[in-house]
Amino acid sequence: MSARVKPIALQILGKEYNIACTPEEQETLILSANKLDKEMRNLRDSGKINGGERIAVMVSLNIMHEFQLLKEKRDAPEQEFADQINNLTYKIESVLEN
């Protein structure tokens, strides 16, 4: 293990996890763990799902769904721009052929 990588203790749903990270990653990792803990507690406290593993899977699925929506939203302007470029290229080629 690199001298810069050190374990930090994170509490998630009442359990401690030691995760190795660099000092630069530490703040983001703590924020992520706190958000995960909050989401898992909210789901557990709602009474809709029982069991740590099931809660973890459902929260993971919700987070990945959120991530996918953000990724699609981010990529939409790029795809729209690419479509416009392709459309203009087609128009230019059509004019040049005539």
PDB file of N, CA and C in Angstrom:
ATOM      1  N   MET A   1       0.849  -1.172   0.000  1.00  0.00           N
ATOM      2  CA  MET A   1       0.000   0.000   0.000  1.00  0.00           C
ATOM      3  C   MET A   1       0.891   1.231   0.000  1.00  0.00           C
ATOM      4  N   SER A   2       0.523   2.227  -0.787  1.00  0.00           N
ATOM      5  CA  SER A   2       1.272   3.463  -0.877  1.00  0.00           C
ATOM      6  C   SER A   2       1.224   4.203   0.456  1.00  0.00           C
ATOM      7  N   ALA A   3       2.256   4.981   0.735  1.00  0.00           N
ATOM      8  CA  ALA A   3       2.295   5.746   1.978  1.00  0.00           C
ATOM      9  C   ALA A   3       1.183   6.792   2.014  1.00  0.00           C
ATOM     10  N   ARG A   4       0.716   7.205   0.858  1.00  0.00           N
ATOM     11  CA  ARG A   4      -0.342   8.211   0.803  1.00  0.00           C
ATOM     12  C   ARG A   4      -1.729   7.620   1.022  1.00  0.00           C
ATOM     13  N   VAL A   5      -1.876   6.341   0.851  1.00  0.00           N
ATOM     14  CA  VAL A   5      -3.178   5.704   1.017  1.00  0.00           C
ATOM     15  C   VAL A   5      -3.315   5.251   2.466  1.00  0.00           C
ATOM     16  N   LYS A   6      -4.388   5.738   3.102  1.00  0.00           N
ATOM     17  CA  LYS A   6      -4.626   5.382   4.502  1.00  0.00           C
ATOM     18  C   LYS A   6      -6.081   4.985   4.678  1.00  0.00           C
ATOM     19  N   PRO A   7      -6.337   4.040   5.567  1.00  0.00           N
ATOM     20  CA  PRO A   7      -7.730   3.644   5.797  1.00  0.00           C
ATOM     21  C   PRO A   7      -8.467   4.677   6.651  1.00  0.00           C
ATOM     22  N   ILE A   8      -9.738   4.859   6.317  1.00  0.00           N
ATOM     23  CA  ILE A   8     -10.604   5.679   7.160  1.00  0.00           C
ATOM     24  C   ILE A   8     -11.796   4.821   7.555  1.00  0.00           C
ATOM     25  N   ALA A   9     -12.327   5.078   8.731  1.00  0.00           N
ATOM     26  CA  ALA A   9     -13.472   4.315   9.235  1.00  0.00           C
ATOM     27  C   ALA A   9     -14.756   5.041   8.867  1.00  0.00           C
ATOM     28  N   LEU A  10     -15.659   4.311   8.236  1.00  0.00           N
ATOM     29  CA  LEU A  10     -16.953   4.855   7.840  1.00  0.00           C
ATOM     30  C   LEU A  10     -18.056   4.043   8.500  1.00  0.00           C
ATOM     31  N   GLN A  11     -19.089   4.719   8.967  1.00  0.00           N
ATOM     32  CA  GLN A  11     -20.240   4.046   9.569  1.00  0.00           C
ATOM     33  C   GLN A  11     -21.391   4.056   8.572  1.00  0.00           C
ATOM     34  N   ILE A  12     -21.858   2.865   8.225  1.00  0.00           N
ATOM     35  CA  ILE A  12     -22.999   2.739   7.323  1.00  0.00           C
ATOM     36  C   ILE A  12     -23.977   1.755   7.934  1.00  0.00           C
ATOM     37  N   LEU A  13     -25.154   2.234   8.221  1.00  0.00           N
ATOM     38  CA  LEU A  13     -26.236   1.443   8.806  1.00  0.00           C
ATOM     39  C   LEU A  13     -25.763   0.705  10.065  1.00  0.00           C
ATOM     40  N   GLY A  14     -24.998   1.423  10.897  1.00  0.00           N
ATOM     41  CA  GLY A  14     -24.557   0.885  12.176  1.00  0.00           C
ATOM     42  C   GLY A  14     -23.349  -0.028  12.122  1.00  0.00           C
ATOM     43  N   LYS A  15     -22.785  -0.203  10.963  1.00  0.00           N
ATOM     44  CA  LYS A  15     -21.599  -1.050  10.841  1.00  0.00           C
ATOM     45  C   LYS A  15     -20.418  -0.199  10.396  1.00  0.00           C
ATOM     46  N   GLU A  16     -19.235  -0.572  10.903  1.00  0.00           N
ATOM     47  CA  GLU A  16     -18.036   0.174  10.542  1.00  0.00           C
ATOM     48  C   GLU A  16     -17.316  -0.508   9.385  1.00  0.00           C
ATOM     49  N   TYR A  17     -16.902   0.313   8.430  1.00  0.00           N
ATOM     50  CA  TYR A  17     -16.151  -0.168   7.281  1.00  0.00           C
ATOM     51  C   TYR A  17     -14.867   0.652   7.188  1.00  0.00           C
ATOM     52  N   ASN A  18     -13.735  -0.023   7.087  1.00  0.00           N
ATOM     53  CA  ASN A  18     -12.453   0.641   6.899  1.00  0.00           C
ATOM     54  C   ASN A  18     -12.126   0.624   5.414  1.00  0.00           C
ATOM     55  N   ILE A  19     -12.014   1.818   4.846  1.00  0.00           N
ATOM     56  CA  ILE A  19     -11.792   1.964   3.416  1.00  0.00           C
ATOM     57  C   ILE A  19     -10.491   2.730   3.202  1.00  0.00           C
ATOM     58  N   ALA A  20      -9.626   2.174   2.357  1.00  0.00           N
ATOM     59  CA  ALA A  20      -8.364   2.841   2.043  1.00  0.00           C
ATOM     60  C   ALA A  20      -8.594   3.879   0.959  1.00  0.00           C
ATOM     61  N   CYS A  21      -8.047   5.070   1.184  1.00  0.00           N
ATOM     62  CA  CYS A  21      -8.155   6.122   0.177  1.00  0.00           C
ATOM     63  C   CYS A  21      -7.035   7.126   0.378  1.00  0.00           C
ATOM     64  N   THR A  22      -6.829   7.932  -0.645  1.00  0.00           N
ATOM     65  CA  THR A  22      -5.828   8.987  -0.556  1.00  0.00           C
ATOM     66  C   THR A  22      -6.450  10.175   0.184  1.00  0.00           C
ATOM     67  N   PRO A  23      -5.639  11.068   0.704  1.00  0.00           N
ATOM     68  CA  PRO A  23      -6.181  12.252   1.377  1.00  0.00           C
ATOM     69  C   PRO A  23      -7.097  13.080   0.470  1.00  0.00           C
ATOM     70  N   GLU A  24      -6.802  13.114  -0.821  1.00  0.00           N
ATOM     71  CA  GLU A  24      -7.631  13.869  -1.767  1.00  0.00           C
ATOM     72  C   GLU A  24      -9.024  13.268  -1.927  1.00  0.00           C
ATOM     73  N   GLU A  25      -9.148  11.978  -1.757  1.00  0.00           N
ATOM     74  CA  GLU A  25     -10.432  11.287  -1.923  1.00  0.00           C
ATOM     75  C   GLU A  25     -11.255  11.257  -0.643  1.00  0.00           C
ATOM     76  N   GLN A  26     -10.635  11.558   0.477  1.00  0.00           N
ATOM     77  CA  GLN A  26     -11.258  11.346   1.781  1.00  0.00           C
ATOM     78  C   GLN A  26     -12.570  12.124   1.956  1.00  0.00           C
ATOM     79  N   GLU A  27     -12.596  13.400   1.640  1.00  0.00           N
ATOM     80  CA  GLU A  27     -13.800  14.197   1.845  1.00  0.00           C
ATOM     81  C   GLU A  27     -14.972  13.676   1.022  1.00  0.00           C
ATOM     82  N   THR A  28     -14.707  13.379  -0.248  1.00  0.00           N
ATOM     83  CA  THR A  28     -15.769  12.870  -1.122  1.00  0.00           C
ATOM     84  C   THR A  28     -16.250  11.507  -0.663  1.00  0.00           C
ATOM     85  N   LEU A  29     -15.338  10.667  -0.210  1.00  0.00           N
ATOM     86  CA  LEU A  29     -15.712   9.348   0.277  1.00  0.00           C
ATOM     87  C   LEU A  29     -16.588   9.449   1.519  1.00  0.00           C
ATOM     88  N   ILE A  30     -16.247  10.350   2.424  1.00  0.00           N
ATOM     89  CA  ILE A  30     -17.050  10.549   3.635  1.00  0.00           C
ATOM     90  C   ILE A  30     -18.441  11.057   3.270  1.00  0.00           C
ATOM     91  N   LEU A  31     -18.515  12.028   2.364  1.00  0.00           N
ATOM     92  CA  LEU A  31     -19.816  12.538   1.920  1.00  0.00           C
ATOM     93  C   LEU A  31     -20.657  11.433   1.277  1.00  0.00           C
ATOM     94  N   SER A  32     -20.010  10.610   0.460  1.00  0.00           N
ATOM     95  CA  SER A  32     -20.714   9.502  -0.196  1.00  0.00           C
ATOM     96  C   SER A  32     -21.235   8.500   0.825  1.00  0.00           C
ATOM     97  N   ALA A  33     -20.393   8.170   1.801  1.00  0.00           N
ATOM     98  CA  ALA A  33     -20.806   7.219   2.837  1.00  0.00           C
ATOM     99  C   ALA A  33     -21.960   7.777   3.662  1.00  0.00           C
ATOM    100  N   ASN A  34     -21.912   9.064   3.964  1.00  0.00           N
ATOM    101  CA  ASN A  34     -22.999   9.681   4.728  1.00  0.00           C
ATOM    102  C   ASN A  34     -24.305   9.679   3.943  1.00  0.00           C
ATOM    103  N   LYS A  35     -24.231   9.956   2.646  1.00  0.00           N
ATOM    104  CA  LYS A  35     -25.440   9.920   1.807  1.00  0.00           C
ATOM    105  C   LYS A  35     -25.989   8.501   1.726  1.00  0.00           C
ATOM    106  N   LEU A  36     -25.103   7.532   1.541  1.00  0.00           N
ATOM    107  CA  LEU A  36     -25.527   6.139   1.480  1.00  0.00           C
ATOM    108  C   LEU A  36     -26.183   5.724   2.790  1.00  0.00           C
ATOM    109  N   ASP A  37     -25.571   6.076   3.905  1.00  0.00           N
ATOM    110  CA  ASP A  37     -26.125   5.745   5.217  1.00  0.00           C
ATOM    111  C   ASP A  37     -27.511   6.357   5.387  1.00  0.00           C
ATOM    112  N   LYS A  38     -27.660   7.620   5.005  1.00  0.00           N
ATOM    113  CA  LYS A  38     -28.954   8.302   5.115  1.00  0.00           C
ATOM    114  C   LYS A  38     -30.018   7.614   4.268  1.00  0.00           C
ATOM    115  N   GLU A  39     -29.670   7.299   3.016  1.00  0.00           N
ATOM    116  CA  GLU A  39     -30.623   6.632   2.115  1.00  0.00           C
ATOM    117  C   GLU A  39     -31.031   5.264   2.667  1.00  0.00           C
ATOM    118  N   MET A  40     -30.053   4.521   3.163  1.00  0.00           N
ATOM    119  CA  MET A  40     -30.348   3.189   3.694  1.00  0.00           C
ATOM    120  C   MET A  40     -31.219   3.278   4.948  1.00  0.00           C
ATOM    121  N   ARG A  41     -30.928   4.227   5.806  1.00  0.00           N
ATOM    122  CA  ARG A  41     -31.743   4.419   7.010  1.00  0.00           C
ATOM    123  C   ARG A  41     -33.167   4.827   6.657  1.00  0.00           C
ATOM    124  N   ASN A  42     -33.311   5.726   5.702  1.00  0.00           N
ATOM    125  CA  ASN A  42     -34.650   6.155   5.279  1.00  0.00           C
ATOM    126  C   ASN A  42     -35.460   4.976   4.763  1.00  0.00           C
ATOM    127  N   LEU A  43     -34.839   4.137   3.946  1.00  0.00           N
ATOM    128  CA  LEU A  43     -35.541   2.977   3.402  1.00  0.00           C
ATOM    129  C   LEU A  43     -35.886   1.983   4.502  1.00  0.00           C
ATOM    130  N   ARG A  44     -34.926   1.733   5.381  1.00  0.00           N
ATOM    131  CA  ARG A  44     -35.178   0.816   6.498  1.00  0.00           C
ATOM    132  C   ARG A  44     -36.298   1.339   7.387  1.00  0.00           C
ATOM    133  N   ASP A  45     -36.259   2.631   7.713  1.00  0.00           N
ATOM    134  CA  ASP A  45     -37.248   3.218   8.622  1.00  0.00           C
ATOM    135  C   ASP A  45     -38.630   3.325   8.003  1.00  0.00           C
ATOM    136  N   SER A  46     -38.710   3.275   6.667  1.00  0.00           N
ATOM    137  CA  SER A  46     -40.018   3.319   6.005  1.00  0.00           C
ATOM    138  C   SER A  46     -40.796   2.031   6.241  1.00  0.00           C
ATOM    139  N   GLY A  47     -40.063   0.966   6.591  1.00  0.00           N
ATOM    140  CA  GLY A  47     -40.708  -0.319   6.857  1.00  0.00           C
ATOM    141  C   GLY A  47     -41.072  -1.091   5.611  1.00  0.00           C
ATOM    142  N   LYS A  48     -40.742  -0.574   4.430  1.00  0.00           N
ATOM    143  CA  LYS A  48     -41.100  -1.245   3.181  1.00  0.00           C
ATOM    144  C   LYS A  48     -40.201  -2.430   2.878  1.00  0.00           C
ATOM    145  N   ILE A  49     -38.946  -2.362   3.342  1.00  0.00           N
ATOM    146  CA  ILE A  49     -37.985  -3.421   3.038  1.00  0.00           C
ATOM    147  C   ILE A  49     -37.246  -3.787   4.309  1.00  0.00           C
ATOM    148  N   ASN A  50     -37.082  -5.092   4.525  1.00  0.00           N
ATOM    149  CA  ASN A  50     -36.359  -5.593   5.690  1.00  0.00           C
ATOM    150  C   ASN A  50     -35.074  -6.267   5.241  1.00  0.00           C
ATOM    151  N   GLY A  51     -34.077  -6.222   6.099  1.00  0.00           N
ATOM    152  CA  GLY A  51     -32.823  -6.904   5.822  1.00  0.00           C
ATOM    153  C   GLY A  51     -31.801  -5.989   5.181  1.00  0.00           C
ATOM    154  N   GLY A  52     -30.614  -5.961   5.769  1.00  0.00           N
ATOM    155  CA  GLY A  52     -29.549  -5.086   5.296  1.00  0.00           C
ATOM    156  C   GLY A  52     -29.173  -5.292   3.847  1.00  0.00           C
ATOM    157  N   GLU A  53     -29.120  -6.561   3.429  1.00  0.00           N
ATOM    158  CA  GLU A  53     -28.721  -6.831   2.048  1.00  0.00           C
ATOM    159  C   GLU A  53     -29.756  -6.310   1.059  1.00  0.00           C
ATOM    160  N   ARG A  54     -31.026  -6.532   1.346  1.00  0.00           N
ATOM    161  CA  ARG A  54     -32.088  -6.046   0.458  1.00  0.00           C
ATOM    162  C   ARG A  54     -32.116  -4.530   0.411  1.00  0.00           C
ATOM    163  N   ILE A  55     -31.900  -3.901   1.570  1.00  0.00           N
ATOM    164  CA  ILE A  55     -31.850  -2.441   1.626  1.00  0.00           C
ATOM    165  C   ILE A  55     -30.687  -1.935   0.780  1.00  0.00           C
ATOM    166  N   ALA A  56     -29.523  -2.565   0.912  1.00  0.00           N
ATOM    167  CA  ALA A  56     -28.338  -2.158   0.150  1.00  0.00           C
ATOM    168  C   ALA A  56     -28.581  -2.282  -1.350  1.00  0.00           C
ATOM    169  N   VAL A  57     -29.220  -3.367  -1.774  1.00  0.00           N
ATOM    170  CA  VAL A  57     -29.487  -3.567  -3.202  1.00  0.00           C
ATOM    171  C   VAL A  57     -30.463  -2.510  -3.712  1.00  0.00           C
ATOM    172  N   MET A  58     -31.517  -2.239  -2.964  1.00  0.00           N
ATOM    173  CA  MET A  58     -32.506  -1.260  -3.410  1.00  0.00           C
ATOM    174  C   MET A  58     -31.913   0.151  -3.467  1.00  0.00           C
ATOM    175  N   VAL A  59     -31.134   0.510  -2.462  1.00  0.00           N
ATOM    176  CA  VAL A  59     -30.509   1.835  -2.473  1.00  0.00           C
ATOM    177  C   VAL A  59     -29.502   1.929  -3.615  1.00  0.00           C
ATOM    178  N   SER A  60     -28.734   0.871  -3.842  1.00  0.00           N
ATOM    179  CA  SER A  60     -27.781   0.857  -4.958  1.00  0.00           C
ATOM    180  C   SER A  60     -28.506   1.024  -6.286  1.00  0.00           C
ATOM    181  N   LEU A  61     -29.608   0.328  -6.432  1.00  0.00           N
ATOM    182  CA  LEU A  61     -30.394   0.441  -7.663  1.00  0.00           C
ATOM    183  C   LEU A  61     -30.923   1.865  -7.837  1.00  0.00           C
ATOM    184  N   ASN A  62     -31.414   2.471  -6.762  1.00  0.00           N
ATOM    185  CA  ASN A  62     -31.905   3.848  -6.844  1.00  0.00           C
ATOM    186  C   ASN A  62     -30.786   4.820  -7.218  1.00  0.00           C
ATOM    187  N   ILE A  63     -29.615   4.645  -6.619  1.00  0.00           N
ATOM    188  CA  ILE A  63     -28.487   5.524  -6.919  1.00  0.00           C
ATOM    189  C   ILE A  63     -28.050   5.353  -8.371  1.00  0.00           C
ATOM    190  N   MET A  64     -27.974   4.125  -8.856  1.00  0.00           N
ATOM    191  CA  MET A  64     -27.572   3.890 -10.241  1.00  0.00           C
ATOM    192  C   MET A  64     -28.611   4.451 -11.222  1.00  0.00           C
ATOM    193  N   HIS A  65     -29.883   4.357 -10.864  1.00  0.00           N
ATOM    194  CA  HIS A  65     -30.934   4.925 -11.708  1.00  0.00           C
ATOM    195  C   HIS A  65     -30.763   6.439 -11.794  1.00  0.00           C
ATOM    196  N   GLU A  66     -30.526   7.078 -10.651  1.00  0.00           N
ATOM    197  CA  GLU A  66     -30.273   8.512 -10.606  1.00  0.00           C
ATOM    198  C   GLU A  66     -29.060   8.875 -11.469  1.00  0.00           C
ATOM    199  N   PHE A  67     -28.006   8.107 -11.328  1.00  0.00           N
ATOM    200  CA  PHE A  67     -26.783   8.326 -12.094  1.00  0.00           C
ATOM    201  C   PHE A  67     -27.054   8.208 -13.594  1.00  0.00           C
ATOM    202  N   GLN A  68     -27.801   7.191 -13.990  1.00  0.00           N
ATOM    203  CA  GLN A  68     -28.106   6.980 -15.406  1.00  0.00           C
ATOM    204  C   GLN A  68     -28.914   8.139 -15.970  1.00  0.00           C
ATOM    205  N   LEU A  69     -29.883   8.636 -15.201  1.00  0.00           N
ATOM    206  CA  LEU A  69     -30.680   9.781 -15.659  1.00  0.00           C
ATOM    207  C   LEU A  69     -29.805  11.014 -15.839  1.00  0.00           C
ATOM    208  N   LEU A  70     -28.891  11.255 -14.899  1.00  0.00           N
ATOM    209  CA  LEU A  70     -27.984  12.390 -15.018  1.00  0.00           C
ATOM    210  C   LEU A  70     -27.057  12.241 -16.216  1.00  0.00           C
ATOM    211  N   LYS A  71     -26.577  11.027 -16.448  1.00  0.00           N
ATOM    212  CA  LYS A  71     -25.690  10.770 -17.580  1.00  0.00           C
ATOM    213  C   LYS A  71     -26.423  11.006 -18.901  1.00  0.00           C
ATOM    214  N   GLU A  72     -27.659  10.521 -18.994  1.00  0.00           N
ATOM    215  CA  GLU A  72     -28.444  10.727 -20.211  1.00  0.00           C
ATOM    216  C   GLU A  72     -28.714  12.206 -20.438  1.00  0.00           C
ATOM    217  N   LYS A  73     -29.011  12.918 -19.359  1.00  0.00           N
ATOM    218  CA  LYS A  73     -29.267  14.356 -19.460  1.00  0.00           C
ATOM    219  C   LYS A  73     -28.005  15.093 -19.924  1.00  0.00           C
ATOM    220  N   ARG A  74     -26.849  14.665 -19.411  1.00  0.00           N
ATOM    221  CA  ARG A  74     -25.577  15.279 -19.796  1.00  0.00           C
ATOM    222  C   ARG A  74     -25.242  14.984 -21.256  1.00  0.00           C
ATOM    223  N   ASP A  75     -25.516  13.758 -21.703  1.00  0.00           N
ATOM    224  CA  ASP A  75     -25.155  13.345 -23.055  1.00  0.00           C
ATOM    225  C   ASP A  75     -26.137  13.842 -24.118  1.00  0.00           C
ATOM    226  N   ALA A  76     -27.333  14.247 -23.727  1.00  0.00           N
ATOM    227  CA  ALA A  76     -28.357  14.649 -24.698  1.00  0.00           C
ATOM    228  C   ALA A  76     -27.903  15.807 -25.576  1.00  0.00           C
ATOM    229  N   PRO A  77     -27.332  16.888 -25.030  1.00  0.00           N
ATOM    230  CA  PRO A  77     -26.894  17.983 -25.913  1.00  0.00           C
ATOM    231  C   PRO A  77     -25.813  17.543 -26.899  1.00  0.00           C
ATOM    232  N   GLU A  78     -24.917  16.669 -26.483  1.00  0.00           N
ATOM    233  CA  GLU A  78     -23.874  16.180 -27.383  1.00  0.00           C
ATOM    234  C   GLU A  78     -24.486  15.398 -28.540  1.00  0.00           C
ATOM    235  N   GLN A  79     -25.479  14.560 -28.246  1.00  0.00           N
ATOM    236  CA  GLN A  79     -26.130  13.779 -29.291  1.00  0.00           C
ATOM    237  C   GLN A  79     -26.908  14.690 -30.227  1.00  0.00           C
ATOM    238  N   GLU A  80     -27.580  15.694 -29.663  1.00  0.00           N
ATOM    239  CA  GLU A  80     -28.333  16.639 -30.483  1.00  0.00           C
ATOM    240  C   GLU A  80     -27.391  17.404 -31.415  1.00  0.00           C
ATOM    241  N   PHE A  81     -26.249  17.814 -30.902  1.00  0.00           N
ATOM    242  CA  PHE A  81     -25.250  18.516 -31.709  1.00  0.00           C
ATOM    243  C   PHE A  81     -24.733  17.607 -32.829  1.00  0.00           C
ATOM    244  N   ALA A  82     -24.440  16.356 -32.502  1.00  0.00           N
ATOM    245  CA  ALA A  82     -23.958  15.397 -33.503  1.00  0.00           C
ATOM    246  C   ALA A  82     -25.013  15.178 -34.584  1.00  0.00           C
ATOM    247  N   ASP A  83     -26.279  15.103 -34.200  1.00  0.00           N
ATOM    248  CA  ASP A  83     -27.361  14.933 -35.170  1.00  0.00           C
ATOM    249  C   ASP A  83     -27.452  16.141 -36.101  1.00  0.00           C
ATOM    250  N   GLN A  84     -27.290  17.335 -35.541  1.00  0.00           N
ATOM    251  CA  GLN A  84     -27.345  18.546 -36.361  1.00  0.00           C
ATOM    252  C   GLN A  84     -26.182  18.593 -37.345  1.00  0.00           C
ATOM    253  N   ILE A  85     -24.991  18.201 -36.880  1.00  0.00           N
ATOM    254  CA  ILE A  85     -23.817  18.156 -37.770  1.00  0.00           C
ATOM    255  C   ILE A  85     -24.059  17.167 -38.906  1.00  0.00           C
ATOM    256  N   ASN A  86     -24.580  15.986 -38.574  1.00  0.00           N
ATOM    257  CA  ASN A  86     -24.869  14.981 -39.602  1.00  0.00           C
ATOM    258  C   ASN A  86     -25.903  15.494 -40.597  1.00  0.00           C
ATOM    259  N   ASN A  87     -26.910  16.184 -40.098  1.00  0.00           N
ATOM    260  CA  ASN A  87     -27.953  16.739 -40.963  1.00  0.00           C
ATOM    261  C   ASN A  87     -27.371  17.792 -41.908  1.00  0.00           C
ATOM    262  N   LEU A  88     -26.535  18.679 -41.364  1.00  0.00           N
ATOM    263  CA  LEU A  88     -25.893  19.699 -42.200  1.00  0.00           C
ATOM    264  C   LEU A  88     -24.952  19.069 -43.220  1.00  0.00           C
ATOM    265  N   THR A  89     -24.215  18.050 -42.807  1.00  0.00           N
ATOM    266  CA  THR A  89     -23.315  17.348 -43.731  1.00  0.00           C
ATOM    267  C   THR A  89     -24.111  16.739 -44.876  1.00  0.00           C
ATOM    268  N   TYR A  90     -25.245  16.124 -44.552  1.00  0.00           N
ATOM    269  CA  TYR A  90     -26.090  15.524 -45.576  1.00  0.00           C
ATOM    270  C   TYR A  90     -26.581  16.602 -46.548  1.00  0.00           C
ATOM    271  N   LYS A  91     -27.023  17.745 -46.026  1.00  0.00           N
ATOM    272  CA  LYS A  91     -27.514  18.827 -46.876  1.00  0.00           C
ATOM    273  C   LYS A  91     -26.407  19.360 -47.796  1.00  0.00           C
ATOM    274  N   ILE A  92     -25.217  19.538 -47.237  1.00  0.00           N
ATOM    275  CA  ILE A  92     -24.090  20.042 -48.034  1.00  0.00           C
ATOM    276  C   ILE A  92     -23.744  19.058 -49.136  1.00  0.00           C
ATOM    277  N   GLU A  93     -23.682  17.772 -48.803  1.00  0.00           N
ATOM    278  CA  GLU A  93     -23.366  16.748 -49.803  1.00  0.00           C
ATOM    279  C   GLU A  93     -24.427  16.690 -50.896  1.00  0.00           C
ATOM    280  N   SER A  94     -25.680  16.867 -50.490  1.00  0.00           N
ATOM    281  CA  SER A  94     -26.775  16.862 -51.481  1.00  0.00           C
ATOM    282  C   SER A  94     -26.640  18.034 -52.442  1.00  0.00           C
ATOM    283  N   VAL A  95     -26.310  19.204 -51.941  1.00  0.00           N
ATOM    284  CA  VAL A  95     -26.156  20.383 -52.780  1.00  0.00           C
ATOM    285  C   VAL A  95     -24.954  20.204 -53.710  1.00  0.00           C
ATOM    286  N   LEU A  96     -23.868  19.689 -53.196  1.00  0.00           N
ATOM    287  CA  LEU A  96     -22.661  19.508 -54.002  1.00  0.00           C
ATOM    288  C   LEU A  96     -22.855  18.458 -55.094  1.00  0.00           C
ATOM    289  N   GLU A  97     -23.697  17.471 -54.866  1.00  0.00           N
ATOM    290  CA  GLU A  97     -23.954  16.442 -55.878  1.00  0.00           C
ATOM    291  C   GLU A  97     -24.759  17.004 -57.043  1.00  0.00           C
ATOM    292  N   ASN A  98     -25.578  18.000 -56.781  1.00  0.00           N
ATOM    293  CA  ASN A  98     -26.417  18.601 -57.831  1.00  0.00           C
ATOM    294  C   ASN A  98     -25.640  19.651 -58.514  1.00  0.00           C
TER     295      ASN A  98
END
